N, C-alpha and C. Protein backbone atom coordinates (compact mmCIF):
# COMPACT_ATOMS: atom_id res chain seq x y z
N MET A 1 27.99 -17.44 -40.98
CA MET A 1 28.54 -16.59 -39.55
C MET A 1 28.92 -15.50 -39.42
N ILE A 2 28.28 -14.51 -38.38
CA ILE A 2 28.97 -13.24 -38.10
C ILE A 2 29.42 -12.87 -37.27
N TRP A 3 30.12 -12.49 -36.53
CA TRP A 3 30.59 -12.01 -35.65
C TRP A 3 30.74 -10.07 -35.23
N GLN A 4 29.71 -9.97 -34.23
CA GLN A 4 29.70 -8.11 -33.90
C GLN A 4 29.36 -8.08 -32.25
N GLN A 5 30.20 -6.70 -32.47
CA GLN A 5 30.15 -6.28 -31.51
C GLN A 5 30.15 -4.33 -31.70
N ASN A 6 29.59 -4.24 -30.70
CA ASN A 6 29.21 -2.67 -30.06
C ASN A 6 30.45 -2.40 -29.57
N PHE A 7 31.12 -1.16 -29.56
CA PHE A 7 32.21 -0.38 -28.60
C PHE A 7 31.62 0.96 -28.31
N PRO A 8 32.07 1.24 -27.17
CA PRO A 8 31.87 2.92 -26.82
C PRO A 8 33.03 3.95 -27.32
N THR A 9 32.52 5.10 -27.50
CA THR A 9 33.50 5.79 -28.30
C THR A 9 33.08 7.03 -28.03
N GLN A 10 34.04 8.10 -27.74
CA GLN A 10 34.40 9.00 -27.83
C GLN A 10 34.57 10.05 -28.98
N LYS A 11 35.11 8.99 -29.67
CA LYS A 11 35.82 9.61 -30.75
C LYS A 11 34.84 9.99 -31.97
N THR A 12 34.89 11.01 -33.25
CA THR A 12 34.77 11.83 -34.30
C THR A 12 34.75 10.42 -35.33
N PHE A 13 33.26 10.70 -36.39
CA PHE A 13 34.02 9.46 -37.47
C PHE A 13 35.36 9.52 -37.54
N ASN A 14 35.77 10.58 -38.39
CA ASN A 14 37.47 10.79 -38.94
C ASN A 14 38.37 10.40 -37.91
N GLU A 15 37.76 10.54 -36.45
CA GLU A 15 39.01 10.15 -35.89
C GLU A 15 38.87 8.48 -35.74
N LEU A 16 38.06 7.59 -36.06
CA LEU A 16 37.82 6.11 -36.56
C LEU A 16 37.99 6.17 -37.27
N ILE A 17 38.43 6.36 -38.57
CA ILE A 17 38.67 6.51 -39.58
C ILE A 17 40.23 6.34 -39.65
N SER A 18 41.00 7.49 -38.59
CA SER A 18 42.37 7.42 -38.42
C SER A 18 43.01 6.36 -37.45
N ALA A 19 42.00 6.01 -36.55
CA ALA A 19 42.81 4.91 -35.66
C ALA A 19 42.45 3.33 -36.62
N THR A 20 41.30 3.48 -37.37
CA THR A 20 41.55 1.73 -38.82
C THR A 20 42.46 1.58 -38.89
N LYS A 21 42.74 3.00 -39.38
CA LYS A 21 44.03 3.38 -40.48
C LYS A 21 45.52 3.01 -39.93
N GLN A 22 45.88 3.42 -38.67
CA GLN A 22 46.77 3.16 -37.56
C GLN A 22 47.06 1.43 -37.32
N ALA A 23 45.67 1.40 -36.88
CA ALA A 23 45.66 -0.49 -36.36
C ALA A 23 46.49 -1.20 -37.73
N GLY A 24 46.38 -1.05 -38.84
CA GLY A 24 46.77 -1.46 -40.03
C GLY A 24 46.39 -2.96 -40.18
N ILE A 25 44.93 -2.98 -39.56
CA ILE A 25 44.19 -4.53 -39.97
C ILE A 25 43.25 -4.50 -40.96
N VAL A 26 42.95 -3.62 -41.40
CA VAL A 26 41.62 -3.33 -42.47
C VAL A 26 42.64 -2.92 -43.75
N THR A 27 42.50 -3.98 -44.87
CA THR A 27 42.82 -3.77 -46.12
C THR A 27 41.86 -2.59 -47.26
N ASN A 28 41.93 -2.53 -48.25
CA ASN A 28 40.96 -1.81 -49.08
C ASN A 28 39.51 -1.35 -48.61
N ILE A 29 40.11 0.00 -47.87
CA ILE A 29 38.93 0.50 -47.04
C ILE A 29 38.55 1.28 -47.84
N GLU A 30 37.41 1.14 -47.96
CA GLU A 30 36.19 2.58 -48.08
C GLU A 30 35.56 3.24 -47.25
N PHE A 31 34.48 4.17 -47.63
CA PHE A 31 34.20 5.24 -46.62
C PHE A 31 32.86 5.84 -47.20
N SER A 32 31.41 5.51 -46.37
CA SER A 32 30.34 5.72 -47.04
C SER A 32 29.72 5.78 -46.11
N ASP A 33 28.42 6.60 -45.06
CA ASP A 33 27.41 7.06 -44.94
C ASP A 33 27.66 6.46 -43.17
N ASN A 34 28.73 7.10 -42.91
CA ASN A 34 29.44 6.49 -41.48
C ASN A 34 29.68 5.21 -41.52
N LYS A 35 30.13 4.47 -42.41
CA LYS A 35 30.57 3.25 -42.03
C LYS A 35 32.08 3.10 -42.91
N ILE A 36 32.94 2.32 -42.03
CA ILE A 36 34.29 2.06 -42.61
C ILE A 36 33.92 0.34 -43.61
N ILE A 37 34.64 0.22 -44.57
CA ILE A 37 34.51 -1.30 -45.04
C ILE A 37 35.60 -1.61 -46.12
N GLY A 38 36.10 -2.21 -45.55
CA GLY A 38 37.27 -2.94 -45.92
C GLY A 38 37.58 -4.47 -45.90
N ASN A 39 38.49 -5.37 -46.14
CA ASN A 39 39.11 -6.59 -45.78
C ASN A 39 39.72 -6.45 -44.87
N LEU A 40 39.35 -7.17 -43.55
CA LEU A 40 40.62 -7.93 -42.65
C LEU A 40 41.73 -8.42 -43.26
N LYS A 41 43.24 -7.64 -42.48
CA LYS A 41 43.99 -8.83 -43.36
C LYS A 41 44.62 -9.81 -42.76
N PRO A 42 45.33 -11.13 -43.17
CA PRO A 42 45.31 -11.95 -42.09
C PRO A 42 46.14 -12.15 -40.98
N ILE A 43 45.34 -12.31 -40.62
CA ILE A 43 45.73 -12.23 -38.72
C ILE A 43 46.06 -13.39 -38.03
N GLU A 44 47.03 -13.50 -37.02
CA GLU A 44 46.62 -15.10 -35.85
C GLU A 44 45.53 -14.79 -35.10
N ALA A 45 45.10 -15.74 -34.62
CA ALA A 45 43.90 -15.44 -33.53
C ALA A 45 45.01 -15.60 -32.35
N ASP A 46 44.69 -14.83 -30.83
CA ASP A 46 45.01 -14.89 -30.08
C ASP A 46 45.09 -15.84 -28.79
N TYR A 47 45.41 -17.04 -29.01
CA TYR A 47 44.93 -17.88 -27.77
C TYR A 47 45.25 -17.80 -26.31
N ARG A 48 46.87 -17.46 -26.61
CA ARG A 48 47.40 -17.07 -25.04
C ARG A 48 46.45 -16.02 -24.70
N GLY A 49 46.36 -14.90 -25.39
CA GLY A 49 45.50 -13.65 -24.60
C GLY A 49 43.93 -13.77 -24.00
N ALA A 50 43.59 -14.50 -24.83
CA ALA A 50 42.23 -15.25 -24.66
C ALA A 50 42.45 -16.45 -22.94
N GLY A 51 43.54 -16.57 -22.55
CA GLY A 51 43.74 -17.27 -21.67
C GLY A 51 43.72 -19.11 -21.93
N HIS A 52 44.07 -19.35 -22.96
CA HIS A 52 43.86 -20.63 -23.52
C HIS A 52 45.82 -21.59 -24.06
N SER A 53 45.68 -22.57 -23.81
CA SER A 53 46.99 -23.24 -24.23
C SER A 53 47.30 -23.81 -25.56
N ARG A 54 47.94 -23.67 -26.07
CA ARG A 54 48.44 -24.76 -27.49
C ARG A 54 47.47 -25.84 -27.32
N SER A 55 47.07 -26.95 -26.20
CA SER A 55 46.59 -28.22 -25.96
C SER A 55 45.15 -28.26 -25.92
N ASN A 56 44.97 -27.04 -25.36
CA ASN A 56 43.08 -26.67 -25.45
C ASN A 56 42.57 -25.61 -26.86
N THR A 57 43.45 -25.50 -27.82
CA THR A 57 42.94 -24.86 -28.98
C THR A 57 42.84 -25.29 -29.92
N PRO A 58 41.74 -25.36 -31.21
CA PRO A 58 41.59 -26.33 -31.81
C PRO A 58 43.18 -26.15 -32.90
N ILE A 59 43.91 -27.28 -33.69
CA ILE A 59 44.13 -26.64 -34.22
C ILE A 59 43.97 -26.03 -35.96
N TYR A 60 42.76 -26.02 -36.28
CA TYR A 60 42.54 -24.94 -37.26
C TYR A 60 42.63 -23.38 -36.82
N ILE A 61 43.15 -23.48 -35.40
CA ILE A 61 42.61 -22.17 -34.45
C ILE A 61 44.63 -21.82 -34.85
N LEU A 62 45.20 -22.65 -34.15
CA LEU A 62 46.27 -22.41 -34.29
C LEU A 62 47.36 -22.38 -35.57
N ASN A 63 47.16 -23.31 -36.45
CA ASN A 63 47.14 -23.25 -37.81
C ASN A 63 46.90 -22.65 -39.31
N SER A 64 46.29 -21.33 -38.35
CA SER A 64 46.00 -20.32 -39.28
C SER A 64 45.69 -18.81 -38.96
N ARG A 65 45.48 -18.52 -40.24
CA ARG A 65 46.20 -17.14 -40.42
C ARG A 65 43.96 -16.59 -40.69
N PHE A 66 43.67 -15.33 -40.28
CA PHE A 66 42.39 -15.41 -40.43
C PHE A 66 42.52 -14.76 -41.56
N THR A 67 40.96 -14.09 -42.69
CA THR A 67 40.22 -12.81 -43.56
C THR A 67 38.91 -12.83 -43.03
N ALA A 68 38.52 -11.92 -43.48
CA ALA A 68 36.91 -11.79 -43.37
C ALA A 68 37.13 -10.47 -43.88
N PHE A 69 35.87 -10.21 -44.05
CA PHE A 69 34.62 -8.80 -45.06
C PHE A 69 34.55 -7.80 -43.46
N VAL A 70 34.55 -6.48 -43.28
CA VAL A 70 34.79 -5.87 -41.69
C VAL A 70 34.22 -4.20 -42.51
N ILE A 71 33.13 -4.73 -41.51
CA ILE A 71 32.00 -3.07 -41.99
C ILE A 71 32.08 -2.68 -40.23
N ILE A 72 32.56 -1.17 -39.75
CA ILE A 72 32.58 -0.68 -38.45
C ILE A 72 31.09 0.26 -39.23
N GLU A 73 30.41 0.58 -38.37
CA GLU A 73 29.36 1.44 -38.36
C GLU A 73 29.11 2.43 -37.10
N PHE A 74 29.56 4.21 -37.72
CA PHE A 74 29.56 4.61 -36.55
C PHE A 74 28.38 5.03 -35.88
N SER A 75 28.51 5.68 -34.98
CA SER A 75 27.14 6.18 -34.22
C SER A 75 27.71 7.27 -32.90
N ASN A 76 26.63 8.20 -32.66
CA ASN A 76 27.74 9.21 -31.44
C ASN A 76 28.55 8.73 -30.61
N ASP A 77 27.92 7.78 -30.18
CA ASP A 77 28.46 6.92 -28.55
C ASP A 77 29.17 5.92 -28.86
N HIS A 78 29.28 5.30 -30.16
CA HIS A 78 29.45 4.06 -30.18
C HIS A 78 29.70 3.63 -31.73
N TYR A 79 30.84 2.61 -31.86
CA TYR A 79 30.57 2.12 -33.10
C TYR A 79 30.34 0.41 -33.75
N THR A 80 29.67 -0.17 -34.41
CA THR A 80 29.50 -1.68 -34.16
C THR A 80 30.92 -2.02 -35.31
N VAL A 81 30.92 -3.38 -34.73
CA VAL A 81 32.05 -3.96 -35.56
C VAL A 81 31.00 -4.92 -36.33
N LEU A 82 31.51 -5.34 -37.92
CA LEU A 82 30.85 -6.55 -38.02
C LEU A 82 31.32 -7.34 -38.61
N ILE A 83 32.15 -8.53 -38.48
CA ILE A 83 33.34 -8.92 -39.75
C ILE A 83 32.25 -10.69 -39.75
N LYS A 84 32.31 -10.29 -41.39
CA LYS A 84 31.68 -11.96 -41.86
C LYS A 84 32.69 -12.18 -43.08
N LYS A 85 32.33 -13.90 -43.29
CA LYS A 85 32.67 -14.01 -44.70
C LYS A 85 34.25 -14.39 -43.91
N ILE A 86 34.14 -14.36 -42.86
CA ILE A 86 35.44 -15.32 -41.88
C ILE A 86 36.47 -16.98 -42.56
N ASN A 87 37.41 -16.66 -43.55
CA ASN A 87 38.06 -17.71 -43.50
C ASN A 87 39.03 -17.92 -43.27
N PHE A 88 40.01 -19.24 -43.15
CA PHE A 88 41.22 -19.78 -42.28
C PHE A 88 42.21 -19.86 -43.12
N ILE A 89 42.86 -18.85 -43.19
CA ILE A 89 44.31 -19.67 -44.54
C ILE A 89 45.07 -20.62 -44.27
N ALA A 90 45.74 -22.26 -43.66
CA ALA A 90 46.58 -22.88 -43.50
C ALA A 90 47.72 -22.12 -43.62
N LYS A 91 48.88 -22.21 -42.64
CA LYS A 91 49.72 -21.66 -42.67
C LYS A 91 51.14 -22.83 -42.53
N SER A 92 50.22 -24.26 -42.87
CA SER A 92 51.34 -25.09 -42.93
C SER A 92 50.53 -26.46 -43.48
N SER A 93 50.97 -27.30 -43.98
CA SER A 93 49.88 -28.60 -43.97
C SER A 93 49.67 -29.27 -42.77
N ASN A 94 48.48 -29.94 -42.85
CA ASN A 94 48.15 -31.01 -40.96
C ASN A 94 47.48 -31.92 -42.09
N GLY A 95 46.92 -32.05 -40.91
CA GLY A 95 45.56 -33.39 -41.52
C GLY A 95 44.12 -32.69 -42.03
N LEU A 96 43.85 -31.37 -41.91
CA LEU A 96 43.12 -30.85 -42.63
C LEU A 96 42.94 -30.02 -43.56
N MET A 97 44.28 -29.15 -43.63
CA MET A 97 44.28 -28.42 -44.62
C MET A 97 45.88 -28.91 -45.56
N LYS A 98 45.83 -27.99 -46.05
CA LYS A 98 47.51 -27.85 -46.86
C LYS A 98 47.66 -26.31 -46.98
N GLN A 99 49.08 -26.10 -46.75
CA GLN A 99 49.52 -24.72 -46.36
C GLN A 99 48.58 -24.04 -47.53
N ASP A 100 48.58 -22.69 -47.41
CA ASP A 100 47.62 -21.79 -48.21
C ASP A 100 46.22 -22.00 -48.73
N GLU A 101 45.65 -22.83 -47.94
CA GLU A 101 44.56 -23.42 -48.50
C GLU A 101 43.20 -22.60 -47.93
N GLN A 102 42.31 -22.18 -48.15
CA GLN A 102 41.24 -21.28 -47.08
C GLN A 102 40.13 -22.38 -47.31
N GLU A 103 39.84 -22.23 -46.21
CA GLU A 103 38.31 -22.84 -45.63
C GLU A 103 37.99 -21.81 -45.08
N GLN A 104 36.35 -21.82 -45.63
CA GLN A 104 35.38 -20.91 -44.47
C GLN A 104 34.86 -21.51 -42.96
N ILE A 105 34.69 -20.50 -41.89
CA ILE A 105 34.48 -20.71 -40.43
C ILE A 105 33.88 -21.99 -40.51
N GLU A 106 32.34 -21.49 -41.39
CA GLU A 106 31.60 -22.50 -40.95
C GLU A 106 31.86 -23.98 -41.16
N VAL A 107 32.60 -24.58 -42.39
CA VAL A 107 32.92 -25.71 -41.85
C VAL A 107 33.31 -26.53 -40.89
N GLN A 108 33.92 -25.42 -39.96
CA GLN A 108 34.48 -26.11 -38.93
C GLN A 108 33.82 -25.66 -37.09
N ALA A 109 32.99 -24.92 -37.40
CA ALA A 109 32.01 -24.45 -36.45
C ALA A 109 30.95 -25.02 -36.05
N LEU A 110 30.02 -25.07 -37.70
CA LEU A 110 28.58 -25.92 -37.78
C LEU A 110 29.29 -27.45 -37.91
N LYS A 111 27.67 -27.88 -37.18
CA LYS A 111 27.15 -29.10 -37.21
C LYS A 111 26.92 -29.29 -38.70
N ASN A 112 27.31 -30.64 -39.60
CA ASN A 112 26.92 -30.89 -41.08
C ASN A 112 25.53 -30.60 -41.41
N LYS A 113 25.70 -28.92 -42.42
CA LYS A 113 24.40 -28.60 -43.39
C LYS A 113 23.87 -28.44 -42.20
N SER A 114 23.77 -27.46 -40.92
CA SER A 114 22.95 -27.07 -40.52
C SER A 114 23.50 -25.91 -39.39
N ASP A 115 22.84 -25.32 -38.92
CA ASP A 115 23.33 -23.72 -38.36
C ASP A 115 23.04 -23.91 -37.02
N GLU A 116 23.39 -25.14 -36.57
CA GLU A 116 24.29 -25.56 -34.88
C GLU A 116 25.06 -25.87 -34.70
N PHE A 117 25.72 -24.82 -34.22
CA PHE A 117 27.39 -24.80 -33.45
C PHE A 117 28.06 -26.02 -33.13
N LYS A 118 28.81 -26.86 -33.25
CA LYS A 118 30.26 -28.14 -32.94
C LYS A 118 30.24 -27.83 -31.58
N ASN A 119 30.11 -28.31 -30.23
CA ASN A 119 30.46 -28.52 -29.09
C ASN A 119 31.82 -27.37 -28.62
N ILE A 120 32.43 -27.79 -29.66
CA ILE A 120 34.39 -27.56 -29.98
C ILE A 120 34.60 -25.93 -29.50
N PHE A 121 33.21 -26.16 -30.90
CA PHE A 121 33.82 -24.28 -31.53
C PHE A 121 32.63 -23.42 -30.38
N LEU A 122 31.84 -23.62 -29.36
CA LEU A 122 31.07 -23.47 -28.68
C LEU A 122 32.45 -22.77 -27.14
N GLY A 123 33.21 -24.19 -27.30
CA GLY A 123 34.42 -23.75 -26.13
C GLY A 123 35.05 -22.77 -26.77
N SER A 124 36.43 -23.22 -26.90
CA SER A 124 37.95 -22.71 -26.78
C SER A 124 37.95 -21.70 -27.62
N ALA A 125 37.39 -22.40 -29.18
CA ALA A 125 37.82 -21.34 -30.50
C ALA A 125 37.00 -20.73 -30.48
N SER A 126 35.34 -20.50 -30.14
CA SER A 126 34.81 -19.16 -30.47
C SER A 126 34.97 -18.43 -29.14
N GLU A 127 35.56 -18.13 -27.85
CA GLU A 127 36.58 -17.58 -27.02
C GLU A 127 37.87 -17.60 -27.93
N VAL A 128 38.61 -17.89 -28.21
CA VAL A 128 39.61 -17.07 -28.80
C VAL A 128 39.48 -16.24 -29.71
N LEU A 129 38.54 -16.63 -30.64
CA LEU A 129 37.72 -15.39 -32.02
C LEU A 129 37.39 -14.74 -31.20
N ASP A 130 36.40 -14.45 -30.91
CA ASP A 130 36.21 -13.53 -29.93
C ASP A 130 36.74 -12.14 -29.04
N PHE A 131 37.90 -13.08 -28.32
CA PHE A 131 39.06 -12.90 -27.65
C PHE A 131 39.70 -11.91 -28.85
N SER A 132 40.40 -12.21 -29.98
CA SER A 132 40.75 -11.46 -30.95
C SER A 132 40.25 -10.73 -31.33
N PHE A 133 38.77 -10.57 -31.86
CA PHE A 133 38.56 -9.87 -32.75
C PHE A 133 38.01 -8.10 -31.45
N THR A 134 37.44 -8.62 -30.45
CA THR A 134 37.47 -7.53 -29.21
C THR A 134 38.83 -6.64 -29.50
N LYS A 135 39.97 -7.26 -29.04
CA LYS A 135 40.97 -6.64 -28.65
C LYS A 135 41.60 -6.13 -30.40
N MET A 136 41.32 -6.20 -31.51
CA MET A 136 41.69 -5.06 -32.82
C MET A 136 41.11 -4.82 -32.88
N PHE A 137 39.91 -4.55 -32.38
CA PHE A 137 38.52 -3.76 -32.96
C PHE A 137 38.62 -2.65 -31.32
N THR A 138 39.33 -2.51 -30.39
CA THR A 138 39.41 -2.11 -29.70
C THR A 138 40.21 -0.98 -29.87
N PHE A 139 39.68 0.01 -29.73
CA PHE A 139 40.45 1.62 -30.73
C PHE A 139 40.36 2.64 -29.72
């Protein structure tokens, strides 16, 4: 699974590099050919900011931090953020995962061995992740 979003910008590539560093959400940063590449440091999704409550947010969102591989590609008037290899890291043990256990997003998002999304993921889970990623990468 991949999350991708285009963001309009008036920044230069060097200013985008600075903004990415200042945000402190990407580690192991490398730069090449108008691209910023790195790893998303473990973050918690902002379900409240996305307009959801604890009761309608899936437990794997509430009980996890997220990591991923990030590519930010710069163009003259926008930058595109591509997030892939998204993993959950359990904050504590529960019925789904043990503390610090990692799981790929596909396990919770996709129906068994298919490319079809689970209904619960298409609701609050995808909205929370979309809001959280958009908020993090709006520079």
